[in-house]
Amino acid sequence: MRQRDAMKKPDTISDADWELLQDQTSSLARIKRDAKADVAAYLSNPEGRSTGSGPDPTVPTGLPTLLLTVIGRKSGERRTTPLVFLQHGEDMVVVGSLAGYDSHPAWYLNIRDNPRCWVQLDRNKMSATAREASEAEREALWPQLTAMFPNWGFFQSQTDRPFPIVILSPTGSA
């Protein structure tokens, strides 16, 4: 991975947004801390989160967000993280970017070991099964994903690790 402070600002982002993005992704500890705070904020006021029109001014407008709960592969405990997603028919598509760090996010490692998971969209909770997109699905989905959230394309350019694209298929109510 390239040095985080050596990253070049992409043309698609303002100076102020670039400064914020660099701060928010400055360390894995910061990303983890912010994710915990985002989960708490989502749970305290979930309305509109799945459409990107939620009440929290610190969450970028227009980015649909879900809560993904997985079983920890080491602990066996449920772990919840907020993820930007693309609605794809009945399924939801998420990206394991971890802001371009060289390691996969923990949620991805957990569902790779156990694809059973739970998704929350606003107040609606459902069980789901996770699977990695096929190569053909990946090729079709990646342009849609980066059009919705250009930072994924930028983050991908910061690492040699291909980002997993994961499809979450609902299986029933939680």
N, C-alpha and C. Protein backbone atom coordinates (compact mmCIF):
# COMPACT_ATOMS: atom_id res chain seq x y z
N MET A 1 0.84 -1.19 0.00
CA MET A 1 0.00 0.00 0.00
C MET A 1 0.88 1.24 0.00
N ARG A 2 0.44 2.24 -0.67
CA ARG A 2 1.16 3.50 -0.67
C ARG A 2 1.01 4.17 0.69
N GLN A 3 1.96 5.02 1.03
CA GLN A 3 1.87 5.75 2.29
C GLN A 3 0.60 6.61 2.29
N ARG A 4 -0.14 6.58 3.39
CA ARG A 4 -1.40 7.33 3.45
C ARG A 4 -1.14 8.82 3.22
N ASP A 5 -0.04 9.39 3.74
CA ASP A 5 0.18 10.82 3.55
C ASP A 5 0.68 11.14 2.15
N ALA A 6 1.04 10.12 1.37
CA ALA A 6 1.51 10.35 0.01
C ALA A 6 0.39 10.23 -1.02
N MET A 7 -0.83 9.96 -0.55
CA MET A 7 -1.95 9.83 -1.48
C MET A 7 -2.22 11.16 -2.16
N LYS A 8 -2.48 11.11 -3.44
CA LYS A 8 -2.82 12.32 -4.19
C LYS A 8 -4.33 12.52 -4.18
N LYS A 9 -4.74 13.76 -4.03
CA LYS A 9 -6.16 14.10 -4.03
C LYS A 9 -6.74 13.83 -5.41
N PRO A 10 -7.83 13.05 -5.47
CA PRO A 10 -8.47 12.84 -6.77
C PRO A 10 -9.19 14.11 -7.23
N ASP A 11 -9.34 14.26 -8.52
CA ASP A 11 -10.00 15.44 -9.08
C ASP A 11 -11.47 15.52 -8.72
N THR A 12 -12.07 14.39 -8.33
CA THR A 12 -13.51 14.34 -8.08
C THR A 12 -13.91 14.84 -6.70
N ILE A 13 -12.96 15.33 -5.91
CA ILE A 13 -13.28 15.68 -4.53
C ILE A 13 -12.76 17.09 -4.22
N SER A 14 -13.54 17.83 -3.43
CA SER A 14 -13.13 19.19 -3.06
C SER A 14 -12.00 19.13 -2.03
N ASP A 15 -11.30 20.25 -1.86
CA ASP A 15 -10.21 20.30 -0.88
C ASP A 15 -10.72 20.01 0.52
N ALA A 16 -11.88 20.57 0.87
CA ALA A 16 -12.44 20.35 2.21
C ALA A 16 -12.82 18.88 2.41
N ASP A 17 -13.47 18.28 1.40
CA ASP A 17 -13.84 16.87 1.50
C ASP A 17 -12.60 15.97 1.54
N TRP A 18 -11.56 16.35 0.81
CA TRP A 18 -10.31 15.59 0.82
C TRP A 18 -9.68 15.59 2.21
N GLU A 19 -9.66 16.77 2.83
CA GLU A 19 -9.10 16.88 4.18
C GLU A 19 -9.89 16.00 5.16
N LEU A 20 -11.22 16.03 5.05
CA LEU A 20 -12.07 15.22 5.91
C LEU A 20 -11.83 13.73 5.65
N LEU A 21 -11.76 13.34 4.38
CA LEU A 21 -11.53 11.94 4.04
C LEU A 21 -10.19 11.45 4.57
N GLN A 22 -9.15 12.25 4.43
CA GLN A 22 -7.84 11.86 4.96
C GLN A 22 -7.89 11.68 6.47
N ASP A 23 -8.60 12.57 7.15
CA ASP A 23 -8.72 12.47 8.60
C ASP A 23 -9.50 11.21 8.99
N GLN A 24 -10.64 10.98 8.33
CA GLN A 24 -11.50 9.85 8.68
C GLN A 24 -10.87 8.50 8.38
N THR A 25 -9.92 8.46 7.46
CA THR A 25 -9.29 7.18 7.09
C THR A 25 -7.82 7.14 7.50
N SER A 26 -7.44 7.97 8.45
CA SER A 26 -6.03 8.10 8.84
C SER A 26 -5.46 6.86 9.52
N SER A 27 -6.31 6.05 10.12
CA SER A 27 -5.83 4.82 10.76
C SER A 27 -6.97 3.81 10.85
N LEU A 28 -6.60 2.55 10.96
CA LEU A 28 -7.62 1.51 11.13
C LEU A 28 -8.36 1.70 12.45
N ALA A 29 -7.66 2.17 13.48
CA ALA A 29 -8.30 2.43 14.77
C ALA A 29 -9.36 3.52 14.62
N ARG A 30 -9.07 4.56 13.85
CA ARG A 30 -10.04 5.64 13.63
C ARG A 30 -11.25 5.11 12.88
N ILE A 31 -11.02 4.31 11.85
CA ILE A 31 -12.12 3.74 11.07
C ILE A 31 -13.02 2.89 11.98
N LYS A 32 -12.41 2.07 12.82
CA LYS A 32 -13.17 1.20 13.72
C LYS A 32 -13.97 2.03 14.73
N ARG A 33 -13.33 3.05 15.31
CA ARG A 33 -14.02 3.91 16.29
C ARG A 33 -15.21 4.62 15.64
N ASP A 34 -14.99 5.16 14.44
CA ASP A 34 -16.08 5.86 13.75
C ASP A 34 -17.21 4.91 13.38
N ALA A 35 -16.87 3.68 13.00
CA ALA A 35 -17.91 2.70 12.65
C ALA A 35 -18.80 2.41 13.85
N LYS A 36 -18.19 2.27 15.03
CA LYS A 36 -18.98 2.03 16.25
C LYS A 36 -19.92 3.20 16.52
N ALA A 37 -19.41 4.41 16.36
CA ALA A 37 -20.25 5.60 16.56
C ALA A 37 -21.36 5.66 15.52
N ASP A 38 -21.06 5.29 14.28
CA ASP A 38 -22.07 5.29 13.22
C ASP A 38 -23.16 4.26 13.48
N VAL A 39 -22.79 3.09 14.01
CA VAL A 39 -23.79 2.08 14.36
C VAL A 39 -24.72 2.63 15.43
N ALA A 40 -24.16 3.25 16.46
CA ALA A 40 -24.98 3.82 17.54
C ALA A 40 -25.92 4.89 17.00
N ALA A 41 -25.42 5.76 16.13
CA ALA A 41 -26.25 6.82 15.54
C ALA A 41 -27.36 6.22 14.68
N TYR A 42 -27.05 5.21 13.90
CA TYR A 42 -28.03 4.54 13.04
C TYR A 42 -29.14 3.94 13.91
N LEU A 43 -28.75 3.23 14.95
CA LEU A 43 -29.73 2.57 15.81
C LEU A 43 -30.59 3.56 16.57
N SER A 44 -30.03 4.71 16.94
CA SER A 44 -30.81 5.69 17.70
C SER A 44 -31.82 6.43 16.83
N ASN A 45 -31.55 6.53 15.54
CA ASN A 45 -32.47 7.22 14.63
C ASN A 45 -32.31 6.64 13.22
N PRO A 46 -32.92 5.48 12.96
CA PRO A 46 -32.66 4.77 11.71
C PRO A 46 -33.42 5.28 10.48
N GLU A 47 -34.41 6.12 10.66
CA GLU A 47 -35.24 6.52 9.53
C GLU A 47 -34.43 7.18 8.42
N GLY A 48 -34.63 6.72 7.20
CA GLY A 48 -34.02 7.31 6.02
C GLY A 48 -32.58 6.90 5.76
N ARG A 49 -32.01 6.09 6.63
CA ARG A 49 -30.60 5.71 6.44
C ARG A 49 -30.41 4.87 5.17
N SER A 50 -31.37 3.99 4.87
CA SER A 50 -31.19 3.10 3.72
C SER A 50 -31.31 3.83 2.39
N THR A 51 -31.79 5.06 2.42
CA THR A 51 -31.89 5.84 1.18
C THR A 51 -30.89 6.98 1.14
N GLY A 52 -30.12 7.13 2.21
CA GLY A 52 -29.14 8.21 2.26
C GLY A 52 -29.73 9.54 2.67
N SER A 53 -30.95 9.51 3.19
CA SER A 53 -31.59 10.76 3.61
C SER A 53 -31.78 10.81 5.12
N GLY A 54 -30.88 10.16 5.84
CA GLY A 54 -30.98 10.09 7.29
C GLY A 54 -30.75 11.42 7.97
N PRO A 55 -31.00 11.46 9.28
CA PRO A 55 -30.97 12.71 10.04
C PRO A 55 -29.58 13.19 10.45
N ASP A 56 -28.57 12.36 10.32
CA ASP A 56 -27.24 12.69 10.84
C ASP A 56 -26.46 13.53 9.83
N PRO A 57 -26.15 14.79 10.16
CA PRO A 57 -25.45 15.65 9.20
C PRO A 57 -24.01 15.22 8.93
N THR A 58 -23.45 14.34 9.76
CA THR A 58 -22.08 13.89 9.50
C THR A 58 -22.02 12.76 8.48
N VAL A 59 -23.18 12.17 8.16
CA VAL A 59 -23.24 11.10 7.17
C VAL A 59 -23.49 11.74 5.81
N PRO A 60 -22.65 11.42 4.81
CA PRO A 60 -22.84 12.04 3.49
C PRO A 60 -24.23 11.80 2.94
N THR A 61 -24.88 12.86 2.49
CA THR A 61 -26.22 12.77 1.94
C THR A 61 -26.19 11.96 0.66
N GLY A 62 -27.22 11.17 0.46
CA GLY A 62 -27.36 10.44 -0.78
C GLY A 62 -26.69 9.09 -0.81
N LEU A 63 -26.03 8.68 0.26
CA LEU A 63 -25.39 7.37 0.28
C LEU A 63 -26.24 6.41 1.11
N PRO A 64 -26.87 5.45 0.45
CA PRO A 64 -27.68 4.49 1.19
C PRO A 64 -26.80 3.64 2.10
N THR A 65 -27.24 3.48 3.33
CA THR A 65 -26.45 2.78 4.33
C THR A 65 -27.28 1.70 5.01
N LEU A 66 -26.68 0.55 5.22
CA LEU A 66 -27.32 -0.53 5.96
C LEU A 66 -26.43 -0.90 7.14
N LEU A 67 -27.00 -1.64 8.06
CA LEU A 67 -26.21 -2.25 9.12
C LEU A 67 -26.09 -3.73 8.81
N LEU A 68 -24.87 -4.23 8.78
CA LEU A 68 -24.61 -5.65 8.54
C LEU A 68 -24.12 -6.26 9.85
N THR A 69 -24.79 -7.33 10.26
CA THR A 69 -24.39 -8.06 11.46
C THR A 69 -23.92 -9.44 11.04
N VAL A 70 -22.73 -9.80 11.49
CA VAL A 70 -22.11 -11.08 11.16
C VAL A 70 -21.71 -11.78 12.45
N ILE A 71 -21.39 -13.06 12.33
CA ILE A 71 -20.87 -13.82 13.47
C ILE A 71 -19.35 -13.77 13.42
N GLY A 72 -18.74 -13.31 14.50
CA GLY A 72 -17.28 -13.24 14.57
C GLY A 72 -16.66 -14.62 14.43
N ARG A 73 -15.71 -14.76 13.52
CA ARG A 73 -15.10 -16.07 13.25
C ARG A 73 -14.26 -16.56 14.43
N LYS A 74 -13.77 -15.66 15.25
CA LYS A 74 -12.97 -16.05 16.42
C LYS A 74 -13.81 -16.04 17.70
N SER A 75 -14.62 -15.01 17.87
CA SER A 75 -15.37 -14.83 19.11
C SER A 75 -16.70 -15.58 19.12
N GLY A 76 -17.28 -15.81 17.94
CA GLY A 76 -18.61 -16.39 17.88
C GLY A 76 -19.71 -15.40 18.23
N GLU A 77 -19.34 -14.15 18.49
CA GLU A 77 -20.31 -13.12 18.86
C GLU A 77 -20.76 -12.34 17.63
N ARG A 78 -21.93 -11.74 17.74
CA ARG A 78 -22.43 -10.91 16.64
C ARG A 78 -21.67 -9.58 16.60
N ARG A 79 -21.31 -9.18 15.40
CA ARG A 79 -20.59 -7.93 15.15
C ARG A 79 -21.35 -7.14 14.11
N THR A 80 -21.56 -5.85 14.35
CA THR A 80 -22.35 -5.01 13.45
C THR A 80 -21.51 -3.87 12.92
N THR A 81 -21.65 -3.60 11.63
CA THR A 81 -20.93 -2.50 11.00
C THR A 81 -21.83 -1.80 9.99
N PRO A 82 -21.69 -0.49 9.84
CA PRO A 82 -22.45 0.24 8.82
C PRO A 82 -21.73 0.14 7.47
N LEU A 83 -22.50 -0.06 6.40
CA LEU A 83 -21.91 -0.15 5.07
C LEU A 83 -22.77 0.60 4.06
N VAL A 84 -22.13 1.32 3.18
CA VAL A 84 -22.81 1.90 2.03
C VAL A 84 -23.13 0.72 1.11
N PHE A 85 -24.32 0.75 0.49
CA PHE A 85 -24.71 -0.39 -0.35
C PHE A 85 -25.43 0.07 -1.60
N LEU A 86 -25.47 -0.84 -2.56
CA LEU A 86 -26.21 -0.66 -3.80
C LEU A 86 -27.35 -1.66 -3.80
N GLN A 87 -28.58 -1.18 -3.97
CA GLN A 87 -29.72 -2.08 -4.09
C GLN A 87 -29.68 -2.70 -5.48
N HIS A 88 -29.77 -4.02 -5.55
CA HIS A 88 -29.68 -4.74 -6.82
C HIS A 88 -30.81 -5.77 -6.83
N GLY A 89 -31.98 -5.33 -7.31
CA GLY A 89 -33.16 -6.18 -7.19
C GLY A 89 -33.50 -6.33 -5.73
N GLU A 90 -33.71 -7.55 -5.29
CA GLU A 90 -33.98 -7.82 -3.87
C GLU A 90 -32.70 -7.83 -3.04
N ASP A 91 -31.57 -7.98 -3.71
CA ASP A 91 -30.29 -8.09 -3.02
C ASP A 91 -29.67 -6.73 -2.72
N MET A 92 -28.71 -6.74 -1.82
CA MET A 92 -27.92 -5.56 -1.50
C MET A 92 -26.46 -5.90 -1.78
N VAL A 93 -25.74 -4.97 -2.38
CA VAL A 93 -24.34 -5.20 -2.75
C VAL A 93 -23.46 -4.28 -1.91
N VAL A 94 -22.45 -4.85 -1.27
CA VAL A 94 -21.52 -4.08 -0.44
C VAL A 94 -20.09 -4.35 -0.91
N VAL A 95 -19.19 -3.44 -0.54
CA VAL A 95 -17.80 -3.50 -1.00
C VAL A 95 -16.88 -3.55 0.21
N GLY A 96 -15.93 -4.47 0.18
CA GLY A 96 -14.94 -4.59 1.26
C GLY A 96 -13.72 -3.74 0.99
N SER A 97 -13.89 -2.42 1.03
CA SER A 97 -12.79 -1.52 0.66
C SER A 97 -11.83 -1.23 1.81
N LEU A 98 -12.34 -1.08 3.00
CA LEU A 98 -11.55 -0.67 4.17
C LEU A 98 -10.66 0.51 3.82
N ALA A 99 -11.23 1.45 3.07
CA ALA A 99 -10.57 2.71 2.71
C ALA A 99 -9.22 2.51 2.01
N GLY A 100 -9.07 1.38 1.31
CA GLY A 100 -7.85 1.15 0.56
C GLY A 100 -6.69 0.58 1.34
N TYR A 101 -6.93 0.20 2.60
CA TYR A 101 -5.88 -0.48 3.36
C TYR A 101 -5.64 -1.86 2.74
N ASP A 102 -4.47 -2.43 3.01
CA ASP A 102 -4.10 -3.70 2.38
C ASP A 102 -4.82 -4.91 2.96
N SER A 103 -5.41 -4.79 4.12
CA SER A 103 -6.12 -5.93 4.73
C SER A 103 -7.61 -5.85 4.41
N HIS A 104 -8.24 -7.02 4.36
CA HIS A 104 -9.69 -7.06 4.18
C HIS A 104 -10.38 -6.62 5.47
N PRO A 105 -11.57 -6.03 5.36
CA PRO A 105 -12.31 -5.68 6.58
C PRO A 105 -12.73 -6.95 7.33
N ALA A 106 -12.84 -6.83 8.65
CA ALA A 106 -13.19 -7.98 9.49
C ALA A 106 -14.55 -8.55 9.10
N TRP A 107 -15.53 -7.70 8.76
CA TRP A 107 -16.85 -8.23 8.41
C TRP A 107 -16.75 -9.19 7.22
N TYR A 108 -15.87 -8.88 6.26
CA TYR A 108 -15.72 -9.75 5.09
C TYR A 108 -15.09 -11.08 5.50
N LEU A 109 -14.05 -11.04 6.32
CA LEU A 109 -13.42 -12.28 6.78
C LEU A 109 -14.42 -13.14 7.54
N ASN A 110 -15.30 -12.49 8.30
CA ASN A 110 -16.31 -13.23 9.06
C ASN A 110 -17.34 -13.89 8.15
N ILE A 111 -17.84 -13.18 7.14
CA ILE A 111 -18.86 -13.81 6.28
C ILE A 111 -18.23 -14.80 5.31
N ARG A 112 -16.96 -14.66 5.06
CA ARG A 112 -16.28 -15.66 4.23
C ARG A 112 -16.28 -17.01 4.97
N ASP A 113 -16.15 -16.95 6.30
CA ASP A 113 -16.19 -18.17 7.11
C ASP A 113 -17.61 -18.63 7.39
N ASN A 114 -18.54 -17.69 7.50
CA ASN A 114 -19.94 -18.02 7.80
C ASN A 114 -20.83 -17.02 7.05
N PRO A 115 -21.45 -17.43 5.94
CA PRO A 115 -22.23 -16.50 5.13
C PRO A 115 -23.58 -16.09 5.72
N ARG A 116 -23.96 -16.68 6.83
CA ARG A 116 -25.22 -16.30 7.49
C ARG A 116 -25.02 -14.93 8.14
N CYS A 117 -25.95 -14.02 7.87
CA CYS A 117 -25.82 -12.66 8.42
C CYS A 117 -27.20 -12.03 8.57
N TRP A 118 -27.21 -10.81 9.07
CA TRP A 118 -28.44 -10.05 9.24
C TRP A 118 -28.21 -8.64 8.72
N VAL A 119 -29.25 -8.09 8.13
CA VAL A 119 -29.19 -6.75 7.55
C VAL A 119 -30.29 -5.91 8.17
N GLN A 120 -29.97 -4.66 8.47
CA GLN A 120 -30.99 -3.70 8.91
C GLN A 120 -31.01 -2.55 7.93
N LEU A 121 -32.21 -2.30 7.37
CA LEU A 121 -32.47 -1.15 6.51
C LEU A 121 -33.47 -0.28 7.24
N ASP A 122 -33.05 0.88 7.69
CA ASP A 122 -33.87 1.72 8.56
C ASP A 122 -34.29 0.88 9.77
N ARG A 123 -35.60 0.66 9.96
CA ARG A 123 -36.06 -0.16 11.09
C ARG A 123 -36.31 -1.62 10.69
N ASN A 124 -36.21 -1.93 9.41
CA ASN A 124 -36.50 -3.26 8.90
C ASN A 124 -35.28 -4.17 9.05
N LYS A 125 -35.45 -5.25 9.81
CA LYS A 125 -34.35 -6.20 10.04
C LYS A 125 -34.68 -7.52 9.35
N MET A 126 -33.67 -8.09 8.68
CA MET A 126 -33.87 -9.35 7.96
C MET A 126 -32.64 -10.23 8.06
N SER A 127 -32.87 -11.52 7.95
CA SER A 127 -31.74 -12.44 7.83
C SER A 127 -31.33 -12.49 6.37
N ALA A 128 -30.08 -12.84 6.13
CA ALA A 128 -29.57 -12.86 4.75
C ALA A 128 -28.44 -13.88 4.64
N THR A 129 -28.12 -14.18 3.40
CA THR A 129 -26.95 -15.00 3.09
C THR A 129 -26.02 -14.16 2.23
N ALA A 130 -24.74 -14.21 2.55
CA ALA A 130 -23.75 -13.43 1.82
C ALA A 130 -22.97 -14.34 0.87
N ARG A 131 -22.64 -13.79 -0.29
CA ARG A 131 -21.77 -14.51 -1.21
C ARG A 131 -20.96 -13.49 -2.00
N GLU A 132 -19.77 -13.90 -2.40
CA GLU A 132 -18.94 -13.01 -3.20
C GLU A 132 -19.47 -13.02 -4.63
N ALA A 133 -19.45 -11.85 -5.25
CA ALA A 133 -19.91 -11.73 -6.64
C ALA A 133 -19.01 -12.55 -7.55
N SER A 134 -19.63 -13.16 -8.56
CA SER A 134 -18.84 -13.86 -9.59
C SER A 134 -18.06 -12.82 -10.39
N GLU A 135 -17.13 -13.27 -11.18
CA GLU A 135 -16.33 -12.34 -11.99
C GLU A 135 -17.23 -11.54 -12.94
N ALA A 136 -18.22 -12.20 -13.54
CA ALA A 136 -19.15 -11.51 -14.45
C ALA A 136 -19.98 -10.48 -13.69
N GLU A 137 -20.47 -10.85 -12.50
CA GLU A 137 -21.23 -9.90 -11.67
C GLU A 137 -20.34 -8.73 -11.27
N ARG A 138 -19.12 -9.04 -10.89
CA ARG A 138 -18.17 -8.00 -10.48
C ARG A 138 -17.96 -6.98 -11.60
N GLU A 139 -17.74 -7.47 -12.82
CA GLU A 139 -17.53 -6.58 -13.96
C GLU A 139 -18.76 -5.71 -14.23
N ALA A 140 -19.94 -6.26 -14.02
CA ALA A 140 -21.17 -5.49 -14.24
C ALA A 140 -21.43 -4.52 -13.09
N LEU A 141 -21.12 -4.91 -11.86
CA LEU A 141 -21.45 -4.10 -10.69
C LEU A 141 -20.45 -2.98 -10.41
N TRP A 142 -19.16 -3.22 -10.66
CA TRP A 142 -18.14 -2.24 -10.27
C TRP A 142 -18.41 -0.85 -10.84
N PRO A 143 -18.74 -0.68 -12.12
CA PRO A 143 -19.03 0.67 -12.61
C PRO A 143 -20.23 1.32 -11.90
N GLN A 144 -21.24 0.54 -11.57
CA GLN A 144 -22.39 1.08 -10.84
C GLN A 144 -21.99 1.51 -9.44
N LEU A 145 -21.18 0.68 -8.80
CA LEU A 145 -20.73 0.98 -7.43
C LEU A 145 -19.88 2.24 -7.38
N THR A 146 -18.94 2.37 -8.31
CA THR A 146 -18.06 3.55 -8.28
C THR A 146 -18.78 4.80 -8.78
N ALA A 147 -19.82 4.64 -9.58
CA ALA A 147 -20.63 5.81 -9.97
C ALA A 147 -21.40 6.33 -8.76
N MET A 148 -21.88 5.41 -7.92
CA MET A 148 -22.62 5.80 -6.72
C MET A 148 -21.68 6.40 -5.67
N PHE A 149 -20.50 5.80 -5.50
CA PHE A 149 -19.56 6.22 -4.46
C PHE A 149 -18.15 6.21 -5.06
N PRO A 150 -17.75 7.31 -5.71
CA PRO A 150 -16.45 7.37 -6.41
C PRO A 150 -15.24 7.06 -5.53
N ASN A 151 -15.37 7.25 -4.22
CA ASN A 151 -14.23 6.96 -3.34
C ASN A 151 -13.79 5.50 -3.45
N TRP A 152 -14.70 4.58 -3.78
CA TRP A 152 -14.29 3.19 -3.91
C TRP A 152 -13.26 3.03 -5.02
N GLY A 153 -13.45 3.72 -6.13
CA GLY A 153 -12.46 3.67 -7.20
C GLY A 153 -11.13 4.24 -6.76
N PHE A 154 -11.19 5.35 -6.03
CA PHE A 154 -9.96 5.95 -5.51
C PHE A 154 -9.28 5.01 -4.52
N PHE A 155 -10.05 4.47 -3.57
CA PHE A 155 -9.47 3.56 -2.58
C PHE A 155 -8.84 2.34 -3.27
N GLN A 156 -9.49 1.82 -4.32
CA GLN A 156 -8.95 0.65 -5.02
C GLN A 156 -7.59 0.97 -5.62
N SER A 157 -7.41 2.22 -6.05
CA SER A 157 -6.12 2.61 -6.65
C SER A 157 -5.00 2.69 -5.61
N GLN A 158 -5.34 2.63 -4.33
CA GLN A 158 -4.35 2.76 -3.26
C GLN A 158 -3.79 1.42 -2.79
N THR A 159 -4.29 0.32 -3.34
CA THR A 159 -3.85 -1.00 -2.88
C THR A 159 -3.85 -1.99 -4.04
N ASP A 160 -3.06 -3.03 -3.89
CA ASP A 160 -3.06 -4.11 -4.88
C ASP A 160 -4.13 -5.15 -4.57
N ARG A 161 -4.74 -5.04 -3.39
CA ARG A 161 -5.75 -6.01 -2.96
C ARG A 161 -7.06 -5.76 -3.71
N PRO A 162 -7.57 -6.74 -4.45
CA PRO A 162 -8.88 -6.52 -5.07
C PRO A 162 -9.96 -6.47 -3.99
N PHE A 163 -10.82 -5.48 -4.08
CA PHE A 163 -11.89 -5.36 -3.10
C PHE A 163 -12.94 -6.44 -3.34
N PRO A 164 -13.32 -7.16 -2.28
CA PRO A 164 -14.42 -8.10 -2.46
C PRO A 164 -15.73 -7.34 -2.67
N ILE A 165 -16.51 -7.82 -3.60
CA ILE A 165 -17.87 -7.31 -3.80
C ILE A 165 -18.78 -8.43 -3.32
N VAL A 166 -19.61 -8.11 -2.33
CA VAL A 166 -20.42 -9.11 -1.65
C VAL A 166 -21.89 -8.83 -1.89
N ILE A 167 -22.62 -9.88 -2.24
CA ILE A 167 -24.06 -9.79 -2.48
C ILE A 167 -24.76 -10.39 -1.27
N LEU A 168 -25.64 -9.59 -0.68
CA LEU A 168 -26.43 -10.00 0.48
C LEU A 168 -27.84 -10.30 -0.01
N SER A 169 -28.26 -11.56 0.12
CA SER A 169 -29.58 -11.98 -0.34
C SER A 169 -30.47 -12.25 0.86
N PRO A 170 -31.58 -11.50 0.98
CA PRO A 170 -32.48 -11.71 2.11
C PRO A 170 -33.04 -13.13 2.13
N THR A 171 -33.17 -13.70 3.33
CA THR A 171 -33.74 -15.04 3.49
C THR A 171 -34.97 -15.04 4.37
N GLY A 172 -35.32 -13.91 4.97
CA GLY A 172 -36.50 -13.83 5.83
C GLY A 172 -36.35 -12.73 6.86
N SER A 173 -37.34 -12.64 7.74
CA SER A 173 -37.30 -11.64 8.81
C SER A 173 -36.29 -12.06 9.86
N ALA A 174 -35.71 -11.07 10.52
CA ALA A 174 -34.71 -11.37 11.56
C ALA A 174 -35.38 -11.71 12.86
